[in-house]
Amino acid sequence: MYSLRLHPRLNSIPLSSQKQVGSISRREASKLKPADASEYRRSNRFTVRSGIGRGVGYIRSQTKGKEPVNVASLRPLPLPSPHNIRPPRLPRPSIRRKLAAVGSNQHSNHQVVKFVKQLATQIQSLPDDVPVSELLDEWVWKLKRGALAPAVTELGRMQLTERVLQLFACLQQQPHLWPDDVTLSAIINVMVETGEVEIAAQLQRDVGRDSPRAAQALASSLAKVGLLEESVQVLNYMINHGWNVDGFAYSTITHWACRAGARDFARRLWKNVNMSDIKWKLHDYTSIMASCSKLGLYDPIDRLYQEFTHSGLKPNIILYTTLLSVLSRQSRYREAVALFWEMEEAGCEPDLMAYEVMLDVCTKLEDLTKALKVYRDLKNAGYTPTPSFYNKLIQLLVNKGSLSKARGMTREMSSRGYTPSAETLSRLSLVTP
């Protein structure tokens, strides 16, 4: 009798438990007629003699007419990682190693500054008859070019100008430390701040005559001590020699002119300035615009903005906010609204100050719809309204007759711990029945 070979795991099953189901012997098969035999084969009931499992024909009948399943598609392979698609034997950059290197550099720089400040303290404690060179010769091998600038600044705070000049004389005798524009600029700054303007000017003329950095340091220091006209003369000297002046020098002069209230000086300065002679940076524009706005000079701001549009620099939120404040002070409210829309279209998200300026513009225009939109945008951006923001919005709601919204805004303001101003309370009391 024919039977299929059992699986090895089934050999342990005793024969008594193997039932003979659906199987025939050779003698029984020979007695079948051809039609019966073909019908039997089509029935696909030929199984193992022991009755365990079903035949291959049964499996084929169950999967007939169906598409074969791609086993690989059931579980897609993971995408290759970047380190696997790199060319072989190519070094892989180490992020940890790079971060460690940056941290070590920052640590070493901090150690150098700390050491130089300690050196200044040791110079201070030297007796008057001991020159600085005796102390500096012990540590000069450890210094790099520009490293003595913090020591010069520290000695300037101690009012030790003689020690600064001795340090400068020692510095010139070290080939690996001189020339040094950074330390020379620090020395000029210290001399101007301590009242030694003539020495600072002589250092710039004799030692730093070929150094634009030293000349700009002299101009900025002169403006800081109130010598505005002299600082402009230094900048004119640089322009006459064909040097490009950084916008930082002009922003420093304008800033100190604003603090001194020298409005006429600032007007004359920006009336005669040629914008093409200045090497601009973005923060220079914003600083000068803010100073001119405080002085009430709006013509230089328009010139600066025109120059900025041709500079190719990308505006940031500080520049937009400064321009919004300037337009609001000039009562150019429509232009301020247009600039706010331009800022949003440029993808520059407003900050809290920009929202406050826009609410002030909407208050001046008495546009309640835009004011409420500014309030919603501020909340959606994650900012918390300031007390001045609440007061302006509540007063606008009262003026427009939206008393219920005004009371609700007052309750919200109180829940945040803010107290409405006296003007806001008086307006609410006038309309409260």
Protein backbone atom coordinates (compact mmCIF):
# COMPACT_ATOMS: atom_id res chain seq x y z
CA MET A 1 0.00 0.00 0.00
CA TYR A 2 1.33 3.41 -1.01
CA SER A 3 1.69 6.14 1.57
CA LEU A 4 3.65 9.39 1.85
CA ARG A 5 6.65 9.59 4.11
CA LEU A 6 5.89 11.07 7.52
CA HIS A 7 7.52 14.20 8.82
CA PRO A 8 10.28 13.43 11.33
CA ARG A 9 8.35 15.21 14.08
CA LEU A 10 5.48 12.72 13.52
CA ASN A 11 7.56 9.55 13.87
CA SER A 12 6.98 9.55 17.60
CA ILE A 13 3.22 9.11 17.12
CA PRO A 14 2.22 5.45 17.66
CA LEU A 15 0.70 3.61 14.69
CA SER A 16 -2.41 2.80 16.65
CA SER A 17 -3.32 6.48 16.66
CA GLN A 18 -2.82 6.86 12.91
CA LYS A 19 -6.26 6.53 11.41
CA GLN A 20 -6.65 5.27 7.86
CA VAL A 21 -8.94 7.87 6.41
CA GLY A 22 -9.51 8.50 2.71
CA SER A 23 -6.75 6.14 1.43
CA ILE A 24 -7.00 3.05 -0.82
CA SER A 25 -4.75 0.13 -1.52
CA ARG A 26 -3.22 -0.87 -4.88
CA ARG A 27 -5.70 -3.72 -5.24
CA GLU A 28 -8.65 -1.42 -4.63
CA ALA A 29 -7.28 1.12 -7.06
CA SER A 30 -6.92 -1.53 -9.79
CA LYS A 31 -10.60 -2.42 -9.46
CA LEU A 32 -11.72 1.14 -10.17
CA LYS A 33 -13.04 1.94 -13.62
CA PRO A 34 -11.26 4.68 -15.64
CA ALA A 35 -14.14 7.12 -15.09
CA ASP A 36 -14.20 6.41 -11.38
CA ALA A 37 -10.42 6.75 -11.17
CA SER A 38 -10.44 10.14 -12.89
CA GLU A 39 -13.31 11.26 -10.67
CA TYR A 40 -11.36 10.13 -7.65
CA ARG A 41 -8.30 12.04 -8.76
CA ARG A 42 -10.38 15.17 -9.36
CA SER A 43 -11.81 14.95 -5.88
CA ASN A 44 -8.30 15.73 -4.52
CA ARG A 45 -8.84 13.55 -1.48
CA PHE A 46 -5.62 11.61 -1.73
CA THR A 47 -3.98 11.97 1.64
CA VAL A 48 -1.33 10.37 3.74
CA ARG A 49 -2.12 6.80 4.73
CA SER A 50 -2.04 7.83 8.37
CA GLY A 51 -4.65 10.53 7.74
CA ILE A 52 -2.40 13.39 8.89
CA GLY A 53 -2.25 16.44 6.55
CA ARG A 54 -3.78 16.95 3.11
CA GLY A 55 -2.39 16.44 -0.35
CA VAL A 56 -0.71 18.94 -2.66
CA GLY A 57 -3.73 18.83 -4.94
CA TYR A 58 -5.92 20.19 -2.18
CA ILE A 59 -3.58 23.11 -1.61
CA ARG A 60 -3.50 23.89 -5.32
CA SER A 61 -7.31 23.77 -5.49
CA GLN A 62 -7.55 26.28 -2.65
CA THR A 63 -5.11 28.74 -4.29
CA LYS A 64 -6.39 28.32 -7.86
CA GLY A 65 -7.25 31.65 -9.56
CA LYS A 66 -5.49 33.75 -6.90
CA GLU A 67 -2.43 35.93 -7.39
CA PRO A 68 0.70 34.68 -5.66
CA VAL A 69 1.64 36.64 -2.58
CA ASN A 70 5.03 38.34 -2.63
CA VAL A 71 6.40 37.64 0.80
CA ALA A 72 8.98 40.41 0.51
CA SER A 73 6.23 42.99 0.05
CA LEU A 74 4.63 42.11 3.36
CA ARG A 75 7.60 43.56 5.25
CA PRO A 76 9.53 46.23 3.35
CA LEU A 77 13.20 46.52 4.00
CA PRO A 78 14.31 49.53 6.05
CA LEU A 79 15.83 52.49 4.25
CA PRO A 80 19.62 52.57 4.30
CA SER A 81 21.14 54.74 6.98
CA PRO A 82 23.46 57.57 5.99
CA HIS A 83 26.47 55.74 7.38
CA ASN A 84 25.67 52.75 5.13
CA ILE A 85 25.48 54.68 1.87
CA ARG A 86 28.77 56.52 2.39
CA PRO A 87 31.66 55.38 0.21
CA PRO A 88 33.81 52.69 1.79
CA ARG A 89 36.83 53.68 3.87
CA LEU A 90 35.61 57.28 4.03
CA PRO A 91 35.98 58.76 7.53
CA ARG A 92 32.70 59.49 9.21
CA PRO A 93 32.49 62.83 11.04
CA SER A 94 32.02 62.48 14.76
CA ILE A 95 29.48 64.88 16.24
CA ARG A 96 30.63 64.24 19.78
CA ARG A 97 34.23 64.87 18.86
CA LYS A 98 33.31 68.12 17.13
CA LEU A 99 31.27 69.33 20.10
CA ALA A 100 34.06 68.35 22.45
CA ALA A 101 36.53 70.34 20.35
CA VAL A 102 34.33 73.42 20.45
CA GLY A 103 33.91 73.10 24.18
CA SER A 104 37.64 72.71 24.70
CA ASN A 105 38.33 75.82 22.61
CA GLN A 106 35.82 77.82 24.60
CA HIS A 107 37.34 76.52 27.81
CA SER A 108 40.86 77.43 26.66
CA ASN A 109 39.76 80.94 25.65
CA HIS A 110 38.15 81.41 29.03
CA GLN A 111 41.34 80.25 30.70
CA VAL A 112 43.41 82.72 28.63
CA VAL A 113 41.15 85.65 29.56
CA LYS A 114 41.24 84.61 33.19
CA PHE A 115 45.03 84.38 33.11
CA VAL A 116 45.41 87.78 31.44
CA LYS A 117 43.17 89.43 34.05
CA GLN A 118 45.24 87.83 36.78
CA LEU A 119 48.30 89.23 35.02
CA ALA A 120 46.77 92.71 35.22
CA THR A 121 46.22 92.21 38.95
CA GLN A 122 49.86 91.20 39.37
CA ILE A 123 50.96 94.29 37.43
CA GLN A 124 48.87 96.42 39.78
CA SER A 125 50.60 94.92 42.80
CA LEU A 126 54.10 95.62 41.45
CA PRO A 127 56.17 98.25 43.26
CA ASP A 128 56.57 101.54 41.47
CA ASP A 129 60.28 101.01 40.82
CA VAL A 130 59.74 97.57 39.21
CA PRO A 131 59.00 97.74 35.46
CA VAL A 132 56.31 95.65 33.82
CA SER A 133 58.89 93.94 31.60
CA GLU A 134 60.24 91.89 34.52
CA LEU A 135 56.84 90.30 35.09
CA LEU A 136 55.91 90.05 31.43
CA ASP A 137 59.14 88.27 30.42
CA GLU A 138 58.13 85.29 32.55
CA TRP A 139 54.85 84.75 30.70
CA VAL A 140 55.45 86.21 27.25
CA TRP A 141 55.97 82.75 25.76
CA LYS A 142 52.42 81.81 26.76
CA LEU A 143 50.72 84.75 25.05
CA LYS A 144 49.35 85.12 21.55
CA ARG A 145 48.71 88.17 19.42
CA GLY A 146 45.72 90.09 20.76
CA ALA A 147 45.69 88.30 24.12
CA LEU A 148 46.83 91.36 26.09
CA ALA A 149 43.78 93.46 25.16
CA PRO A 150 41.77 92.31 28.24
CA ALA A 151 44.76 93.13 30.45
CA VAL A 152 44.92 96.64 28.98
CA THR A 153 41.20 97.14 29.59
CA GLU A 154 41.55 95.91 33.17
CA LEU A 155 44.47 98.26 33.81
CA GLY A 156 42.40 101.11 32.38
CA ARG A 157 39.66 100.42 34.91
CA MET A 158 42.32 100.67 37.62
CA GLN A 159 43.44 104.05 36.20
CA LEU A 160 46.98 102.72 35.66
CA THR A 161 47.80 104.53 32.42
CA GLU A 162 51.56 104.49 33.08
CA ARG A 163 51.50 100.72 33.39
CA VAL A 164 49.53 100.54 30.14
CA LEU A 165 52.25 102.51 28.33
CA GLN A 166 54.95 100.29 29.84
CA LEU A 167 53.03 97.24 28.68
CA PHE A 168 52.77 98.78 25.21
CA ALA A 169 56.56 99.33 25.12
CA CYS A 170 57.17 95.69 26.10
CA LEU A 171 54.70 94.53 23.48
CA GLN A 172 56.59 96.24 20.66
CA GLN A 173 59.74 94.30 21.57
CA GLN A 174 58.06 90.92 21.00
CA PRO A 175 57.99 89.93 17.30
CA HIS A 176 55.30 87.28 17.81
CA LEU A 177 53.00 89.79 19.55
CA TRP A 178 53.46 92.87 17.38
CA PRO A 179 51.88 94.44 15.31
CA ASP A 180 48.61 93.97 17.12
CA ASP A 181 45.64 96.14 16.10
CA VAL A 182 43.39 94.66 18.78
CA THR A 183 45.65 95.61 21.68
CA LEU A 184 46.47 98.98 20.10
CA SER A 185 42.75 99.78 19.84
CA ALA A 186 42.29 98.82 23.49
CA ILE A 187 45.19 101.11 24.49
CA ILE A 188 43.71 104.03 22.51
CA ASN A 189 40.32 103.44 24.13
CA VAL A 190 41.84 103.41 27.62
CA MET A 191 43.79 106.60 26.98
CA VAL A 192 40.71 108.48 25.77
CA GLU A 193 38.55 107.28 28.67
CA THR A 194 41.18 108.32 31.21
CA GLY A 195 41.48 111.79 29.68
CA GLU A 196 44.76 111.28 27.79
CA VAL A 197 43.28 112.30 24.44
CA GLU A 198 46.56 113.72 23.08
CA ILE A 199 48.41 110.48 23.76
CA ALA A 200 45.63 108.50 22.07
CA ALA A 201 45.71 110.75 19.00
CA GLN A 202 49.50 110.51 18.83
CA LEU A 203 49.33 106.71 19.04
CA GLN A 204 46.85 106.67 16.18
CA ARG A 205 48.96 109.04 14.03
CA ASP A 206 52.37 107.48 14.65
CA VAL A 207 51.75 103.82 15.42
CA GLY A 208 48.35 103.09 13.91
CA ARG A 209 48.45 105.37 10.88
CA ASP A 210 47.91 102.35 8.60
CA SER A 211 45.31 100.71 10.82
CA PRO A 212 41.63 101.47 10.08
CA ARG A 213 40.70 99.58 13.23
CA ALA A 214 42.76 101.90 15.42
CA ALA A 215 41.24 104.99 13.76
CA GLN A 216 37.69 103.70 14.29
CA ALA A 217 38.52 102.90 17.91
CA LEU A 218 39.71 106.48 18.36
CA ALA A 219 36.54 107.89 16.76
CA SER A 220 34.23 105.72 18.89
CA SER A 221 36.12 106.56 22.08
CA LEU A 222 36.00 110.30 21.36
CA ALA A 223 32.24 110.10 20.80
CA LYS A 224 31.82 108.17 24.05
CA VAL A 225 33.47 110.94 26.08
CA GLY A 226 31.43 113.65 24.32
CA LEU A 227 33.96 114.86 21.73
CA LEU A 228 31.57 114.44 18.80
CA GLU A 229 33.18 116.91 16.40
CA GLU A 230 36.62 115.37 16.90
CA SER A 231 35.23 111.90 16.25
CA VAL A 232 33.75 113.05 12.93
CA GLN A 233 37.12 114.54 11.98
CA VAL A 234 38.74 111.14 12.50
CA LEU A 235 36.15 109.50 10.23
CA ASN A 236 36.71 112.15 7.57
CA TYR A 237 40.44 111.43 7.82
CA MET A 238 39.71 107.77 7.11
CA ILE A 239 37.49 108.58 4.12
CA ASN A 240 40.13 110.91 2.66
CA HIS A 241 42.68 108.09 2.86
CA GLY A 242 40.35 105.78 0.95
CA TRP A 243 39.47 103.54 3.88
CA ASN A 244 36.04 101.99 4.21
CA VAL A 245 34.43 103.07 7.45
CA ASP A 246 32.29 100.52 9.29
CA GLY A 247 28.73 101.51 10.05
CA PHE A 248 29.43 100.67 13.68
CA ALA A 249 31.48 103.88 14.05
CA TYR A 250 28.61 106.02 12.75
CA SER A 251 26.08 104.15 14.89
CA THR A 252 28.26 104.77 17.97
CA ILE A 253 28.55 108.49 17.22
CA THR A 254 24.79 108.77 16.59
CA HIS A 255 24.02 106.85 19.78
CA TRP A 256 26.11 109.14 21.97
CA ALA A 257 24.77 112.19 20.18
CA CYS A 258 21.27 110.96 21.01
CA ARG A 259 22.21 110.47 24.66
CA ALA A 260 23.68 113.97 24.75
CA GLY A 261 20.62 115.44 23.02
CA ALA A 262 22.78 116.84 20.19
CA ARG A 263 20.00 116.97 17.60
CA ASP A 264 21.60 119.65 15.44
CA PHE A 265 24.89 117.78 15.35
CA ALA A 266 23.16 114.57 14.25
CA ARG A 267 21.25 116.44 11.54
CA ARG A 268 24.46 117.98 10.15
CA LEU A 269 26.24 114.63 10.38
CA TRP A 270 23.68 112.71 8.32
CA LYS A 271 23.17 115.55 5.91
CA ASN A 272 26.83 115.37 4.81
CA VAL A 273 27.38 111.61 5.03
CA ASN A 274 27.90 109.71 1.79
CA MET A 275 26.24 106.33 2.26
CA SER A 276 28.50 104.64 -0.30
CA ASP A 277 31.60 105.30 1.86
CA ILE A 278 30.25 103.15 4.69
CA LYS A 279 30.45 99.38 5.04
CA TRP A 280 27.06 98.48 6.47
CA LYS A 281 25.78 95.64 8.60
CA LEU A 282 22.19 94.95 9.56
CA HIS A 283 22.51 95.99 13.21
CA ASP A 284 24.06 99.31 12.11
CA TYR A 285 20.86 100.24 10.26
CA THR A 286 18.63 99.41 13.20
CA SER A 287 20.81 101.21 15.76
CA ILE A 288 21.03 104.43 13.72
CA MET A 289 17.30 104.36 12.91
CA ALA A 290 16.42 103.98 16.59
CA SER A 291 18.71 106.86 17.62
CA CYS A 292 17.43 109.17 14.88
CA SER A 293 13.85 108.31 15.80
CA LYS A 294 14.47 109.34 19.41
CA LEU A 295 15.94 112.63 18.17
CA GLY A 296 12.99 113.21 15.84
CA LEU A 297 15.13 113.02 12.68
CA TYR A 298 13.14 111.15 10.05
CA ASP A 299 14.91 112.18 6.85
CA PRO A 300 18.04 110.15 7.70
CA ILE A 301 15.79 107.17 8.41
CA ASP A 302 14.25 107.36 4.94
CA ARG A 303 17.73 107.58 3.40
CA LEU A 304 18.91 104.64 5.46
CA TYR A 305 15.92 102.53 4.44
CA GLN A 306 16.49 103.31 0.77
CA GLU A 307 20.14 102.34 1.19
CA PHE A 308 19.09 99.14 2.95
CA THR A 309 16.77 98.09 0.12
CA HIS A 310 19.73 98.24 -2.29
CA SER A 311 22.20 96.55 0.04
CA GLY A 312 20.90 93.01 -0.52
CA LEU A 313 20.63 92.31 3.20
CA LYS A 314 17.66 90.35 4.53
CA PRO A 315 15.53 92.31 7.02
CA ASN A 316 14.84 90.88 10.45
CA ILE A 317 12.19 91.52 13.08
CA ILE A 318 14.30 94.23 14.78
CA LEU A 319 14.47 96.31 11.60
CA TYR A 320 10.74 95.89 10.93
CA THR A 321 9.84 96.82 14.50
CA THR A 322 12.08 99.89 14.38
CA LEU A 323 10.48 101.05 11.14
CA LEU A 324 6.99 100.43 12.55
CA SER A 325 7.82 102.59 15.57
CA VAL A 326 9.20 105.33 13.33
CA LEU A 327 6.12 105.35 11.09
CA SER A 328 3.86 105.39 14.14
CA ARG A 329 5.70 108.40 15.60
CA GLN A 330 5.38 110.18 12.27
CA SER A 331 1.61 109.48 12.21
CA ARG A 332 2.08 107.50 8.98
CA TYR A 333 -0.34 104.82 10.09
CA ARG A 334 -1.38 103.50 6.69
CA GLU A 335 2.25 102.94 5.76
CA ALA A 336 2.78 101.15 9.09
CA VAL A 337 -0.10 98.75 8.34
CA ALA A 338 1.30 98.09 4.86
CA LEU A 339 4.74 97.43 6.35
CA PHE A 340 3.22 95.00 8.86
CA TRP A 341 1.58 93.06 6.03
CA GLU A 342 4.87 93.08 4.14
CA MET A 343 6.59 91.66 7.20
CA GLU A 344 4.08 88.80 7.44
CA GLU A 345 4.34 88.05 3.71
CA ALA A 346 8.14 87.92 4.01
CA GLY A 347 7.78 85.14 6.61
CA CYS A 348 9.12 87.26 9.48
CA GLU A 349 7.05 86.46 12.56
CA PRO A 350 6.20 89.56 14.65
CA ASP A 351 7.37 89.75 18.22
CA LEU A 352 5.58 91.26 21.22
CA MET A 353 6.88 94.75 20.52
CA ALA A 354 5.67 94.61 16.91
CA TYR A 355 2.18 93.57 18.09
CA GLU A 356 2.12 96.46 20.58
CA VAL A 357 3.11 98.95 17.88
CA MET A 358 0.43 97.57 15.56
CA LEU A 359 -2.22 97.86 18.29
CA ASP A 360 -1.16 101.47 18.84
CA VAL A 361 -1.56 102.07 15.09
CA CYS A 362 -5.03 100.45 15.11
CA THR A 363 -5.97 102.59 18.11
CA LYS A 364 -4.95 105.75 16.29
CA LEU A 365 -6.93 104.63 13.24
CA GLU A 366 -9.86 103.54 15.51
CA ASP A 367 -10.00 100.24 13.63
CA LEU A 368 -11.51 97.78 16.10
CA THR A 369 -11.58 94.84 13.68
CA LYS A 370 -7.84 94.99 13.03
CA ALA A 371 -7.15 95.58 16.72
CA LEU A 372 -9.01 92.39 17.69
CA LYS A 373 -7.16 90.51 14.95
CA VAL A 374 -3.86 91.72 16.37
CA TYR A 375 -5.00 90.51 19.80
CA ARG A 376 -5.90 87.05 18.44
CA ASP A 377 -2.65 86.77 16.50
CA LEU A 378 -0.70 87.72 19.62
CA LYS A 379 -2.43 85.00 21.66
CA ASN A 380 -1.96 82.42 18.90
CA ALA A 381 1.74 83.26 18.73
CA GLY A 382 2.09 82.33 22.40
CA TYR A 383 2.65 85.83 23.80
CA THR A 384 0.99 87.29 26.89
CA PRO A 385 -0.47 90.80 26.48
CA THR A 386 1.17 93.50 28.55
CA PRO A 387 -0.80 95.91 30.80
CA SER A 388 -0.39 98.73 28.26
CA PHE A 389 -1.74 96.41 25.55
CA TYR A 390 -4.83 95.62 27.64
CA ASN A 391 -5.41 99.28 28.51
CA LYS A 392 -5.26 100.42 24.88
CA LEU A 393 -7.55 97.64 23.71
CA ILE A 394 -10.11 98.21 26.50
CA GLN A 395 -10.20 101.94 25.80
CA LEU A 396 -10.75 101.27 22.10
CA LEU A 397 -13.58 98.83 22.92
CA VAL A 398 -15.22 101.44 25.14
CA ASN A 399 -14.91 104.13 22.46
CA LYS A 400 -16.51 101.82 19.91
CA GLY A 401 -19.37 100.87 22.25
CA SER A 402 -18.39 97.21 22.78
CA LEU A 403 -19.01 97.36 26.52
CA SER A 404 -19.47 93.63 27.11
CA LYS A 405 -16.17 92.84 25.40
CA ALA A 406 -14.52 95.66 27.35
CA ARG A 407 -15.72 94.20 30.67
CA GLY A 408 -14.62 90.71 29.62
CA MET A 409 -11.19 92.05 28.66
CA THR A 410 -11.00 93.82 32.04
CA ARG A 411 -11.75 90.55 33.86
CA GLU A 412 -9.10 88.77 31.80
CA MET A 413 -6.63 91.53 32.65
CA SER A 414 -7.39 91.21 36.35
CA SER A 415 -7.07 87.41 36.23
CA ARG A 416 -3.50 87.84 35.00
CA GLY A 417 -2.68 90.03 37.99
CA TYR A 418 -2.75 93.36 36.13
CA THR A 419 -4.55 96.44 37.36
CA PRO A 420 -6.28 98.68 34.79
CA SER A 421 -4.94 102.19 34.56
CA ALA A 422 -6.80 105.16 36.02
CA GLU A 423 -7.81 106.34 32.54
CA THR A 424 -9.22 102.92 31.68
CA LEU A 425 -11.20 102.74 34.93
CA SER A 426 -12.57 106.25 34.43
CA ARG A 427 -13.80 105.41 30.93
CA LEU A 428 -15.41 102.23 32.17
CA SER A 429 -17.11 104.08 35.03
CA LEU A 430 -18.56 106.65 32.64
CA VAL A 431 -20.35 104.04 30.55
CA THR A 432 -21.31 101.66 33.39
CA PRO A 433 -24.99 102.15 34.34
